[in-house]
Amino acid sequence: MQGKNHVALALAIPLATAYIGPAILPGTLPAWGGLILGSLAPDIDGGGSIVYVGDLLPRKITPNPIRAALNGLGKTASDIIRSIFGHRKALHWPAWGLLLASIGVAMNLDWLVWFGIGYMLHILGDSLTKSGVPLLGPVITTDISFSPMVTGKFVESMFGVLLWGFVAWRLAVSVLPGSAWLWQMLYKFGGSFL
């Protein structure tokens, strides 16, 4: 799965929990950040978008040599990690996400709990691709796949569009209207014209 669709899946699953019971959502901005970063973290072994840290910095205020150096360091680290672990091998075991979430619970670190959840959701997303992942690792390292979807092809793109559509809809209809900070912001904005 592509990174943008991993993020969409990681956001969609917690937002969808409201349909089966009380919504289970990250409670703080760092927790949301942990969820998003966790949903990208397993691909540190693949040389994908997560390793290009320089590209995450604002282009207008970050000099190109600094961005290029950060991207080079990220790519080098990714290449080393890939040479040790391979792609979609040991770093794609759900046990890592479970371990991180458990440490987060034990240390009362909400962001780490959600990082671990995002990590596991990344692996769930990769299990929806044709190549699959070692879902039962480290015990059984055979790749398991639940669909014939191919990364970067039309079906995955449509799946991503549906996920992002759902995320936008849930945020627009359910989450944002109930947010106290949104109503305060609208009140202040509206009050300035009265």
N, C-alpha and C. Protein backbone atom coordinates (compact mmCIF):
# COMPACT_ATOMS: atom_id res chain seq x y z
N MET A 1 0.83 -1.19 0.00
CA MET A 1 0.00 0.00 0.00
C MET A 1 0.87 1.25 0.00
N GLN A 2 0.39 2.28 -0.64
CA GLN A 2 1.12 3.54 -0.66
C GLN A 2 0.94 4.27 0.67
N GLY A 3 1.91 5.13 1.00
CA GLY A 3 1.89 5.84 2.27
C GLY A 3 0.61 6.61 2.52
N LYS A 4 0.13 7.33 1.51
CA LYS A 4 -1.08 8.14 1.70
C LYS A 4 -2.28 7.27 2.06
N ASN A 5 -2.33 6.06 1.53
CA ASN A 5 -3.44 5.17 1.84
C ASN A 5 -3.26 4.50 3.21
N HIS A 6 -2.01 4.31 3.63
CA HIS A 6 -1.77 3.83 4.99
C HIS A 6 -2.29 4.85 6.00
N VAL A 7 -2.03 6.12 5.74
CA VAL A 7 -2.51 7.18 6.63
C VAL A 7 -4.04 7.20 6.63
N ALA A 8 -4.64 7.10 5.45
CA ALA A 8 -6.10 7.11 5.36
C ALA A 8 -6.71 5.95 6.14
N LEU A 9 -6.12 4.76 6.03
CA LEU A 9 -6.64 3.60 6.75
C LEU A 9 -6.49 3.80 8.26
N ALA A 10 -5.34 4.34 8.67
CA ALA A 10 -5.10 4.55 10.10
C ALA A 10 -6.06 5.59 10.68
N LEU A 11 -6.47 6.56 9.90
CA LEU A 11 -7.45 7.55 10.36
C LEU A 11 -8.87 6.99 10.30
N ALA A 12 -9.15 6.20 9.27
CA ALA A 12 -10.52 5.69 9.06
C ALA A 12 -10.94 4.68 10.12
N ILE A 13 -10.04 3.82 10.53
CA ILE A 13 -10.42 2.77 11.49
C ILE A 13 -10.88 3.38 12.82
N PRO A 14 -10.11 4.25 13.46
CA PRO A 14 -10.62 4.85 14.71
C PRO A 14 -11.91 5.65 14.49
N LEU A 15 -12.00 6.37 13.37
CA LEU A 15 -13.21 7.15 13.10
C LEU A 15 -14.42 6.24 12.89
N ALA A 16 -14.19 5.02 12.42
CA ALA A 16 -15.29 4.08 12.18
C ALA A 16 -15.74 3.38 13.46
N THR A 17 -14.97 3.45 14.53
CA THR A 17 -15.34 2.75 15.76
C THR A 17 -16.66 3.25 16.35
N ALA A 18 -17.06 4.46 15.98
CA ALA A 18 -18.33 5.00 16.50
C ALA A 18 -19.52 4.16 16.04
N TYR A 19 -19.35 3.38 14.98
CA TYR A 19 -20.46 2.57 14.47
C TYR A 19 -20.63 1.26 15.23
N ILE A 20 -19.64 0.89 16.02
CA ILE A 20 -19.76 -0.36 16.77
C ILE A 20 -19.82 -0.12 18.27
N GLY A 21 -19.75 1.10 18.69
CA GLY A 21 -19.78 1.45 20.10
C GLY A 21 -19.28 2.87 20.26
N PRO A 22 -18.83 3.22 21.46
CA PRO A 22 -18.28 4.57 21.64
C PRO A 22 -17.01 4.73 20.79
N ALA A 23 -16.88 5.89 20.17
CA ALA A 23 -15.72 6.15 19.32
C ALA A 23 -14.44 6.09 20.14
N ILE A 24 -13.45 5.41 19.59
CA ILE A 24 -12.13 5.31 20.22
C ILE A 24 -11.18 6.13 19.36
N LEU A 25 -10.92 7.34 19.83
CA LEU A 25 -10.11 8.27 19.05
C LEU A 25 -8.94 8.77 19.88
N PRO A 26 -7.83 9.12 19.21
CA PRO A 26 -6.73 9.76 19.94
C PRO A 26 -7.25 11.04 20.59
N GLY A 27 -6.83 11.28 21.82
CA GLY A 27 -7.36 12.41 22.56
C GLY A 27 -6.55 13.69 22.47
N THR A 28 -5.34 13.60 21.95
CA THR A 28 -4.48 14.78 21.89
C THR A 28 -3.83 14.88 20.52
N LEU A 29 -3.30 16.05 20.21
CA LEU A 29 -2.60 16.23 18.95
C LEU A 29 -1.38 15.31 18.83
N PRO A 30 -0.55 15.15 19.90
CA PRO A 30 0.55 14.20 19.80
C PRO A 30 0.07 12.76 19.54
N ALA A 31 -1.09 12.39 20.09
CA ALA A 31 -1.61 11.05 19.84
C ALA A 31 -2.01 10.88 18.38
N TRP A 32 -2.64 11.91 17.80
CA TRP A 32 -2.97 11.85 16.37
C TRP A 32 -1.68 11.76 15.54
N GLY A 33 -0.66 12.54 15.93
CA GLY A 33 0.62 12.46 15.24
C GLY A 33 1.26 11.09 15.36
N GLY A 34 1.16 10.50 16.56
CA GLY A 34 1.68 9.14 16.76
C GLY A 34 0.98 8.14 15.87
N LEU A 35 -0.34 8.27 15.74
CA LEU A 35 -1.11 7.37 14.86
C LEU A 35 -0.64 7.49 13.42
N ILE A 36 -0.48 8.71 12.95
CA ILE A 36 -0.07 8.93 11.56
C ILE A 36 1.36 8.44 11.33
N LEU A 37 2.29 8.80 12.22
CA LEU A 37 3.68 8.34 12.05
C LEU A 37 3.79 6.83 12.17
N GLY A 38 3.03 6.25 13.11
CA GLY A 38 3.03 4.80 13.25
C GLY A 38 2.52 4.10 12.01
N SER A 39 1.56 4.73 11.32
CA SER A 39 1.01 4.13 10.11
C SER A 39 2.01 4.14 8.95
N LEU A 40 3.06 4.92 9.07
CA LEU A 40 4.10 4.99 8.04
C LEU A 40 5.39 4.28 8.44
N ALA A 41 5.59 4.11 9.74
CA ALA A 41 6.88 3.63 10.27
C ALA A 41 7.37 2.30 9.72
N PRO A 42 6.53 1.27 9.54
CA PRO A 42 7.09 0.01 9.06
C PRO A 42 7.77 0.11 7.70
N ASP A 43 7.41 1.11 6.91
CA ASP A 43 8.03 1.26 5.60
C ASP A 43 9.39 1.94 5.64
N ILE A 44 9.96 2.10 6.82
CA ILE A 44 11.33 2.60 6.93
C ILE A 44 12.28 1.61 6.24
N ASP A 45 11.81 0.36 6.07
CA ASP A 45 12.63 -0.66 5.41
C ASP A 45 12.46 -0.67 3.90
N GLY A 46 11.67 0.27 3.36
CA GLY A 46 11.39 0.20 1.93
C GLY A 46 11.88 1.35 1.09
N GLY A 47 12.43 2.38 1.71
CA GLY A 47 12.92 3.51 0.92
C GLY A 47 11.79 4.38 0.38
N GLY A 48 10.61 4.29 0.96
CA GLY A 48 9.47 5.08 0.51
C GLY A 48 9.48 6.48 1.07
N SER A 49 8.32 7.10 1.05
CA SER A 49 8.20 8.51 1.39
C SER A 49 8.59 8.83 2.83
N ILE A 50 8.46 7.91 3.74
CA ILE A 50 8.75 8.21 5.15
C ILE A 50 10.23 8.52 5.38
N VAL A 51 11.11 8.01 4.54
CA VAL A 51 12.54 8.23 4.77
C VAL A 51 12.98 9.60 4.26
N TYR A 52 12.17 10.25 3.45
CA TYR A 52 12.55 11.55 2.91
C TYR A 52 12.08 12.67 3.84
N VAL A 53 12.75 12.76 4.99
CA VAL A 53 12.40 13.70 6.04
C VAL A 53 12.51 15.13 5.54
N GLY A 54 13.47 15.40 4.70
CA GLY A 54 13.65 16.75 4.18
C GLY A 54 12.45 17.25 3.40
N ASP A 55 11.74 16.35 2.75
CA ASP A 55 10.57 16.75 1.97
C ASP A 55 9.40 17.17 2.87
N LEU A 56 9.47 16.82 4.16
CA LEU A 56 8.42 17.21 5.08
C LEU A 56 8.58 18.64 5.58
N LEU A 57 9.77 19.21 5.39
CA LEU A 57 10.04 20.57 5.85
C LEU A 57 9.52 21.58 4.83
N PRO A 58 9.11 22.77 5.28
CA PRO A 58 8.60 23.79 4.35
C PRO A 58 9.67 24.19 3.34
N ARG A 59 9.33 24.15 2.08
CA ARG A 59 10.30 24.44 1.01
C ARG A 59 10.77 25.89 1.01
N LYS A 60 9.87 26.81 1.36
CA LYS A 60 10.22 28.23 1.25
C LYS A 60 11.20 28.70 2.31
N ILE A 61 11.25 28.02 3.45
CA ILE A 61 12.14 28.49 4.52
C ILE A 61 13.29 27.52 4.81
N THR A 62 13.27 26.34 4.19
CA THR A 62 14.34 25.36 4.42
C THR A 62 15.26 25.32 3.21
N PRO A 63 16.53 25.64 3.39
CA PRO A 63 17.47 25.60 2.25
C PRO A 63 17.53 24.21 1.62
N ASN A 64 17.64 24.19 0.31
CA ASN A 64 17.69 22.91 -0.43
C ASN A 64 18.81 21.99 0.04
N PRO A 65 20.02 22.50 0.35
CA PRO A 65 21.07 21.59 0.81
C PRO A 65 20.70 20.86 2.11
N ILE A 66 19.99 21.55 3.01
CA ILE A 66 19.58 20.91 4.26
C ILE A 66 18.54 19.83 3.97
N ARG A 67 17.57 20.15 3.12
CA ARG A 67 16.55 19.16 2.77
C ARG A 67 17.19 17.95 2.07
N ALA A 68 18.13 18.22 1.16
CA ALA A 68 18.80 17.14 0.44
C ALA A 68 19.63 16.27 1.39
N ALA A 69 20.31 16.90 2.35
CA ALA A 69 21.13 16.15 3.33
C ALA A 69 20.24 15.26 4.19
N LEU A 70 19.12 15.80 4.67
CA LEU A 70 18.19 15.00 5.47
C LEU A 70 17.61 13.84 4.67
N ASN A 71 17.26 14.11 3.41
CA ASN A 71 16.76 13.03 2.56
C ASN A 71 17.82 11.96 2.33
N GLY A 72 19.07 12.41 2.13
CA GLY A 72 20.16 11.45 1.93
C GLY A 72 20.40 10.59 3.16
N LEU A 73 20.37 11.22 4.35
CA LEU A 73 20.54 10.46 5.59
C LEU A 73 19.39 9.46 5.78
N GLY A 74 18.18 9.92 5.51
CA GLY A 74 17.02 9.02 5.64
C GLY A 74 17.11 7.85 4.68
N LYS A 75 17.51 8.11 3.44
CA LYS A 75 17.63 7.05 2.43
C LYS A 75 18.73 6.08 2.82
N THR A 76 19.85 6.59 3.32
CA THR A 76 20.96 5.73 3.76
C THR A 76 20.52 4.84 4.92
N ALA A 77 19.85 5.43 5.90
CA ALA A 77 19.36 4.65 7.04
C ALA A 77 18.37 3.58 6.57
N SER A 78 17.50 3.95 5.65
CA SER A 78 16.53 2.99 5.12
C SER A 78 17.22 1.85 4.38
N ASP A 79 18.24 2.18 3.60
CA ASP A 79 18.98 1.14 2.87
C ASP A 79 19.67 0.17 3.84
N ILE A 80 20.23 0.70 4.92
CA ILE A 80 20.89 -0.16 5.91
C ILE A 80 19.87 -1.06 6.59
N ILE A 81 18.75 -0.46 7.00
CA ILE A 81 17.68 -1.25 7.65
C ILE A 81 17.17 -2.33 6.70
N ARG A 82 16.99 -1.98 5.43
CA ARG A 82 16.49 -2.95 4.44
C ARG A 82 17.50 -4.07 4.23
N SER A 83 18.79 -3.73 4.24
CA SER A 83 19.80 -4.78 4.03
C SER A 83 19.84 -5.75 5.21
N ILE A 84 19.49 -5.28 6.40
CA ILE A 84 19.48 -6.13 7.59
C ILE A 84 18.19 -6.93 7.68
N PHE A 85 17.05 -6.24 7.55
CA PHE A 85 15.76 -6.88 7.79
C PHE A 85 15.02 -7.31 6.53
N GLY A 86 15.35 -6.73 5.36
CA GLY A 86 14.58 -6.98 4.16
C GLY A 86 13.31 -6.13 4.17
N HIS A 87 12.59 -6.13 3.04
CA HIS A 87 11.35 -5.36 2.96
C HIS A 87 10.16 -6.27 3.25
N ARG A 88 9.29 -5.79 4.09
CA ARG A 88 8.10 -6.53 4.53
C ARG A 88 8.47 -7.86 5.18
N LYS A 89 9.50 -7.83 5.95
CA LYS A 89 9.90 -9.02 6.72
C LYS A 89 9.74 -8.71 8.21
N ALA A 90 10.81 -8.70 8.97
CA ALA A 90 10.74 -8.59 10.44
C ALA A 90 10.08 -7.29 10.91
N LEU A 91 10.28 -6.18 10.21
CA LEU A 91 9.67 -4.93 10.65
C LEU A 91 8.17 -4.87 10.34
N HIS A 92 7.67 -5.86 9.63
CA HIS A 92 6.24 -5.93 9.34
C HIS A 92 5.54 -7.00 10.19
N TRP A 93 6.11 -7.31 11.31
CA TRP A 93 5.43 -8.19 12.27
C TRP A 93 4.53 -7.33 13.15
N PRO A 94 3.26 -7.69 13.30
CA PRO A 94 2.38 -6.91 14.18
C PRO A 94 2.85 -6.90 15.63
N ALA A 95 3.68 -7.86 16.00
CA ALA A 95 4.18 -7.94 17.38
C ALA A 95 4.91 -6.65 17.77
N TRP A 96 5.58 -5.97 16.82
CA TRP A 96 6.28 -4.72 17.14
C TRP A 96 5.28 -3.64 17.55
N GLY A 97 4.19 -3.52 16.79
CA GLY A 97 3.17 -2.53 17.12
C GLY A 97 2.52 -2.82 18.46
N LEU A 98 2.27 -4.10 18.70
CA LEU A 98 1.68 -4.50 19.98
C LEU A 98 2.63 -4.19 21.13
N LEU A 99 3.92 -4.45 20.94
CA LEU A 99 4.93 -4.14 21.95
C LEU A 99 4.98 -2.63 22.22
N LEU A 100 5.00 -1.83 21.17
CA LEU A 100 5.06 -0.37 21.34
C LEU A 100 3.82 0.15 22.06
N ALA A 101 2.64 -0.35 21.67
CA ALA A 101 1.40 0.08 22.33
C ALA A 101 1.40 -0.34 23.79
N SER A 102 1.90 -1.53 24.08
CA SER A 102 1.95 -2.01 25.47
C SER A 102 2.89 -1.17 26.31
N ILE A 103 4.03 -0.80 25.75
CA ILE A 103 4.97 0.08 26.46
C ILE A 103 4.31 1.44 26.70
N GLY A 104 3.58 1.93 25.70
CA GLY A 104 2.88 3.19 25.86
C GLY A 104 1.85 3.15 26.98
N VAL A 105 1.13 2.03 27.09
CA VAL A 105 0.15 1.88 28.18
C VAL A 105 0.87 1.84 29.52
N ALA A 106 1.93 1.04 29.59
CA ALA A 106 2.67 0.90 30.86
C ALA A 106 3.29 2.22 31.32
N MET A 107 3.74 3.04 30.38
CA MET A 107 4.39 4.30 30.73
C MET A 107 3.44 5.50 30.66
N ASN A 108 2.16 5.21 30.37
CA ASN A 108 1.14 6.26 30.26
C ASN A 108 1.51 7.30 29.20
N LEU A 109 1.97 6.82 28.06
CA LEU A 109 2.34 7.68 26.93
C LEU A 109 1.31 7.47 25.82
N ASP A 110 0.31 8.33 25.79
CA ASP A 110 -0.78 8.21 24.83
C ASP A 110 -0.27 8.18 23.38
N TRP A 111 0.71 9.03 23.06
CA TRP A 111 1.22 9.09 21.69
C TRP A 111 1.87 7.77 21.28
N LEU A 112 2.52 7.09 22.22
CA LEU A 112 3.18 5.82 21.90
C LEU A 112 2.15 4.70 21.72
N VAL A 113 1.08 4.75 22.50
CA VAL A 113 -0.01 3.78 22.32
C VAL A 113 -0.55 3.91 20.90
N TRP A 114 -0.82 5.14 20.48
CA TRP A 114 -1.38 5.36 19.15
C TRP A 114 -0.35 5.11 18.05
N PHE A 115 0.93 5.32 18.34
CA PHE A 115 1.97 4.96 17.37
C PHE A 115 1.93 3.46 17.13
N GLY A 116 1.83 2.66 18.20
CA GLY A 116 1.74 1.21 18.08
C GLY A 116 0.49 0.78 17.32
N ILE A 117 -0.63 1.46 17.58
CA ILE A 117 -1.87 1.14 16.86
C ILE A 117 -1.70 1.47 15.38
N GLY A 118 -1.12 2.63 15.08
CA GLY A 118 -0.86 2.99 13.69
C GLY A 118 0.06 1.99 13.00
N TYR A 119 1.05 1.50 13.74
CA TYR A 119 1.99 0.50 13.23
C TYR A 119 1.24 -0.77 12.83
N MET A 120 0.34 -1.22 13.72
CA MET A 120 -0.43 -2.44 13.43
C MET A 120 -1.41 -2.21 12.28
N LEU A 121 -1.98 -1.01 12.18
CA LEU A 121 -2.89 -0.72 11.06
C LEU A 121 -2.15 -0.67 9.73
N HIS A 122 -0.89 -0.24 9.76
CA HIS A 122 -0.07 -0.29 8.55
C HIS A 122 0.05 -1.73 8.06
N ILE A 123 0.32 -2.62 8.98
CA ILE A 123 0.50 -4.03 8.62
C ILE A 123 -0.81 -4.63 8.13
N LEU A 124 -1.92 -4.23 8.75
CA LEU A 124 -3.23 -4.66 8.26
C LEU A 124 -3.42 -4.19 6.82
N GLY A 125 -3.06 -2.95 6.54
CA GLY A 125 -3.17 -2.43 5.18
C GLY A 125 -2.34 -3.21 4.19
N ASP A 126 -1.11 -3.55 4.56
CA ASP A 126 -0.25 -4.33 3.66
C ASP A 126 -0.77 -5.76 3.48
N SER A 127 -1.52 -6.26 4.45
CA SER A 127 -2.09 -7.61 4.29
C SER A 127 -3.23 -7.60 3.26
N LEU A 128 -3.69 -6.40 2.89
CA LEU A 128 -4.73 -6.28 1.87
C LEU A 128 -4.15 -6.21 0.46
N THR A 129 -2.84 -6.32 0.35
CA THR A 129 -2.20 -6.32 -0.96
C THR A 129 -1.83 -7.74 -1.36
N LYS A 130 -1.61 -7.91 -2.64
CA LYS A 130 -1.32 -9.24 -3.20
C LYS A 130 -0.08 -9.89 -2.58
N SER A 131 0.94 -9.09 -2.29
CA SER A 131 2.18 -9.66 -1.76
C SER A 131 2.07 -10.03 -0.28
N GLY A 132 1.15 -9.40 0.46
CA GLY A 132 0.91 -9.77 1.86
C GLY A 132 2.06 -9.43 2.79
N VAL A 133 1.91 -9.87 4.05
CA VAL A 133 2.90 -9.63 5.10
C VAL A 133 2.93 -10.82 6.05
N PRO A 134 4.01 -10.96 6.82
CA PRO A 134 4.09 -12.05 7.80
C PRO A 134 3.28 -11.73 9.07
N LEU A 135 1.95 -11.86 8.97
CA LEU A 135 1.05 -11.48 10.06
C LEU A 135 1.28 -12.26 11.35
N LEU A 136 1.81 -13.46 11.24
CA LEU A 136 2.01 -14.30 12.42
C LEU A 136 3.46 -14.31 12.89
N GLY A 137 4.28 -13.42 12.31
CA GLY A 137 5.67 -13.35 12.72
C GLY A 137 5.80 -12.86 14.14
N PRO A 138 6.78 -13.30 14.86
CA PRO A 138 7.94 -14.08 14.46
C PRO A 138 7.73 -15.59 14.49
N VAL A 139 6.57 -16.05 14.90
CA VAL A 139 6.33 -17.50 14.99
C VAL A 139 6.29 -18.14 13.61
N ILE A 140 5.44 -17.61 12.73
CA ILE A 140 5.34 -18.11 11.36
C ILE A 140 5.59 -16.91 10.44
N THR A 141 6.58 -17.03 9.58
CA THR A 141 6.97 -15.89 8.75
C THR A 141 6.46 -15.96 7.32
N THR A 142 5.49 -16.80 7.07
CA THR A 142 4.88 -16.89 5.75
C THR A 142 4.01 -15.66 5.53
N ASP A 143 4.11 -15.08 4.33
CA ASP A 143 3.29 -13.91 4.02
C ASP A 143 1.83 -14.30 3.87
N ILE A 144 0.96 -13.48 4.45
CA ILE A 144 -0.48 -13.71 4.38
C ILE A 144 -1.10 -12.51 3.67
N SER A 145 -1.96 -12.79 2.71
CA SER A 145 -2.65 -11.75 1.95
C SER A 145 -4.15 -12.02 1.97
N PHE A 146 -4.92 -10.94 2.12
CA PHE A 146 -6.37 -11.09 2.15
C PHE A 146 -7.06 -10.60 0.89
N SER A 147 -6.30 -10.08 -0.07
CA SER A 147 -6.91 -9.63 -1.32
C SER A 147 -5.86 -9.60 -2.43
N PRO A 148 -6.32 -9.52 -3.67
CA PRO A 148 -5.38 -9.47 -4.80
C PRO A 148 -4.98 -8.04 -5.19
N MET A 149 -5.25 -7.05 -4.34
CA MET A 149 -4.94 -5.66 -4.65
C MET A 149 -3.43 -5.48 -4.82
N VAL A 150 -3.04 -4.75 -5.85
CA VAL A 150 -1.63 -4.51 -6.13
C VAL A 150 -1.30 -3.05 -5.78
N THR A 151 -0.21 -2.85 -5.06
CA THR A 151 0.20 -1.51 -4.64
C THR A 151 0.40 -0.60 -5.83
N GLY A 152 -0.22 0.58 -5.77
CA GLY A 152 -0.05 1.59 -6.80
C GLY A 152 -0.94 1.43 -8.01
N LYS A 153 -1.75 0.42 -8.06
CA LYS A 153 -2.62 0.18 -9.22
C LYS A 153 -4.01 0.77 -8.96
N PHE A 154 -4.88 0.64 -9.94
CA PHE A 154 -6.20 1.27 -9.92
C PHE A 154 -7.03 0.90 -8.69
N VAL A 155 -7.07 -0.38 -8.34
CA VAL A 155 -7.91 -0.81 -7.22
C VAL A 155 -7.45 -0.16 -5.92
N GLU A 156 -6.13 -0.10 -5.70
CA GLU A 156 -5.65 0.55 -4.48
C GLU A 156 -5.96 2.04 -4.51
N SER A 157 -5.84 2.67 -5.67
CA SER A 157 -6.17 4.09 -5.77
C SER A 157 -7.63 4.35 -5.41
N MET A 158 -8.52 3.51 -5.91
CA MET A 158 -9.95 3.65 -5.60
C MET A 158 -10.22 3.39 -4.12
N PHE A 159 -9.53 2.39 -3.57
CA PHE A 159 -9.65 2.09 -2.15
C PHE A 159 -9.22 3.31 -1.33
N GLY A 160 -8.12 3.93 -1.72
CA GLY A 160 -7.63 5.13 -1.05
C GLY A 160 -8.61 6.29 -1.16
N VAL A 161 -9.21 6.47 -2.33
CA VAL A 161 -10.20 7.54 -2.51
C VAL A 161 -11.39 7.31 -1.57
N LEU A 162 -11.84 6.07 -1.48
CA LEU A 162 -12.96 5.75 -0.58
C LEU A 162 -12.58 6.00 0.88
N LEU A 163 -11.37 5.59 1.27
CA LEU A 163 -10.92 5.82 2.65
C LEU A 163 -10.85 7.31 2.96
N TRP A 164 -10.23 8.08 2.07
CA TRP A 164 -10.12 9.53 2.32
C TRP A 164 -11.49 10.19 2.31
N GLY A 165 -12.38 9.72 1.45
CA GLY A 165 -13.75 10.25 1.45
C GLY A 165 -14.44 9.99 2.77
N PHE A 166 -14.28 8.77 3.29
CA PHE A 166 -14.88 8.43 4.57
C PHE A 166 -14.30 9.29 5.69
N VAL A 167 -12.97 9.45 5.69
CA VAL A 167 -12.31 10.26 6.73
C VAL A 167 -12.84 11.70 6.67
N ALA A 168 -12.91 12.27 5.47
CA ALA A 168 -13.41 13.65 5.33
C ALA A 168 -14.85 13.75 5.81
N TRP A 169 -15.67 12.78 5.43
CA TRP A 169 -17.07 12.80 5.83
C TRP A 169 -17.22 12.70 7.34
N ARG A 170 -16.49 11.76 7.97
CA ARG A 170 -16.59 11.59 9.43
C ARG A 170 -16.10 12.84 10.16
N LEU A 171 -15.03 13.44 9.67
CA LEU A 171 -14.55 14.66 10.32
C LEU A 171 -15.55 15.80 10.15
N ALA A 172 -16.10 15.94 8.95
CA ALA A 172 -17.03 17.04 8.68
C ALA A 172 -18.36 16.86 9.41
N VAL A 173 -18.84 15.65 9.49
CA VAL A 173 -20.18 15.42 10.03
C VAL A 173 -20.17 15.14 11.53
N SER A 174 -19.18 14.39 11.98
CA SER A 174 -19.25 13.90 13.36
C SER A 174 -18.25 14.52 14.31
N VAL A 175 -17.01 14.61 13.92
CA VAL A 175 -15.98 15.02 14.86
C VAL A 175 -15.93 16.54 15.02
N LEU A 176 -15.80 17.27 13.92
CA LEU A 176 -15.61 18.71 14.01
C LEU A 176 -16.81 19.46 14.59
N PRO A 177 -18.07 19.12 14.22
CA PRO A 177 -19.20 19.86 14.81
C PRO A 177 -19.27 19.73 16.33
N GLY A 178 -18.77 18.67 16.90
CA GLY A 178 -18.80 18.49 18.35
C GLY A 178 -17.57 19.03 19.05
N SER A 179 -16.65 19.58 18.29
CA SER A 179 -15.40 20.05 18.87
C SER A 179 -15.57 21.44 19.47
N ALA A 180 -15.29 21.57 20.74
CA ALA A 180 -15.43 22.85 21.42
C ALA A 180 -14.53 23.92 20.79
N TRP A 181 -13.31 23.53 20.41
CA TRP A 181 -12.39 24.51 19.86
C TRP A 181 -12.89 25.05 18.53
N LEU A 182 -13.57 24.22 17.72
CA LEU A 182 -14.10 24.68 16.44
C LEU A 182 -15.20 25.72 16.68
N TRP A 183 -16.10 25.43 17.61
CA TRP A 183 -17.19 26.36 17.89
C TRP A 183 -16.66 27.66 18.49
N GLN A 184 -15.63 27.57 19.33
CA GLN A 184 -15.03 28.77 19.88
C GLN A 184 -14.40 29.62 18.78
N MET A 185 -13.74 28.96 17.85
CA MET A 185 -13.11 29.66 16.75
C MET A 185 -14.17 30.34 15.87
N LEU A 186 -15.25 29.62 15.57
CA LEU A 186 -16.33 30.20 14.76
C LEU A 186 -16.98 31.37 15.48
N TYR A 187 -17.17 31.23 16.79
CA TYR A 187 -17.79 32.30 17.58
C TYR A 187 -16.91 33.55 17.54
N LYS A 188 -15.60 33.35 17.74
CA LYS A 188 -14.69 34.50 17.72
C LYS A 188 -14.65 35.14 16.34
N PHE A 189 -14.62 34.29 15.30
CA PHE A 189 -14.59 34.79 13.93
C PHE A 189 -15.87 35.55 13.63
N GLY A 190 -17.02 34.98 14.00
CA GLY A 190 -18.32 35.63 13.76
C GLY A 190 -18.47 36.87 14.59
N GLY A 191 -17.96 36.84 15.84
CA GLY A 191 -18.08 37.98 16.73
C GLY A 191 -17.30 39.19 16.25
N SER A 192 -16.27 38.97 15.46
CA SER A 192 -15.46 40.09 14.98
C SER A 192 -16.19 40.92 13.94
N PHE A 193 -17.26 40.35 13.33
CA PHE A 193 -18.01 41.10 12.32
C PHE A 193 -19.24 41.78 12.91
N LEU A 194 -19.54 41.56 14.20
CA LEU A 194 -20.73 42.15 14.81
C LEU A 194 -20.45 43.51 15.42
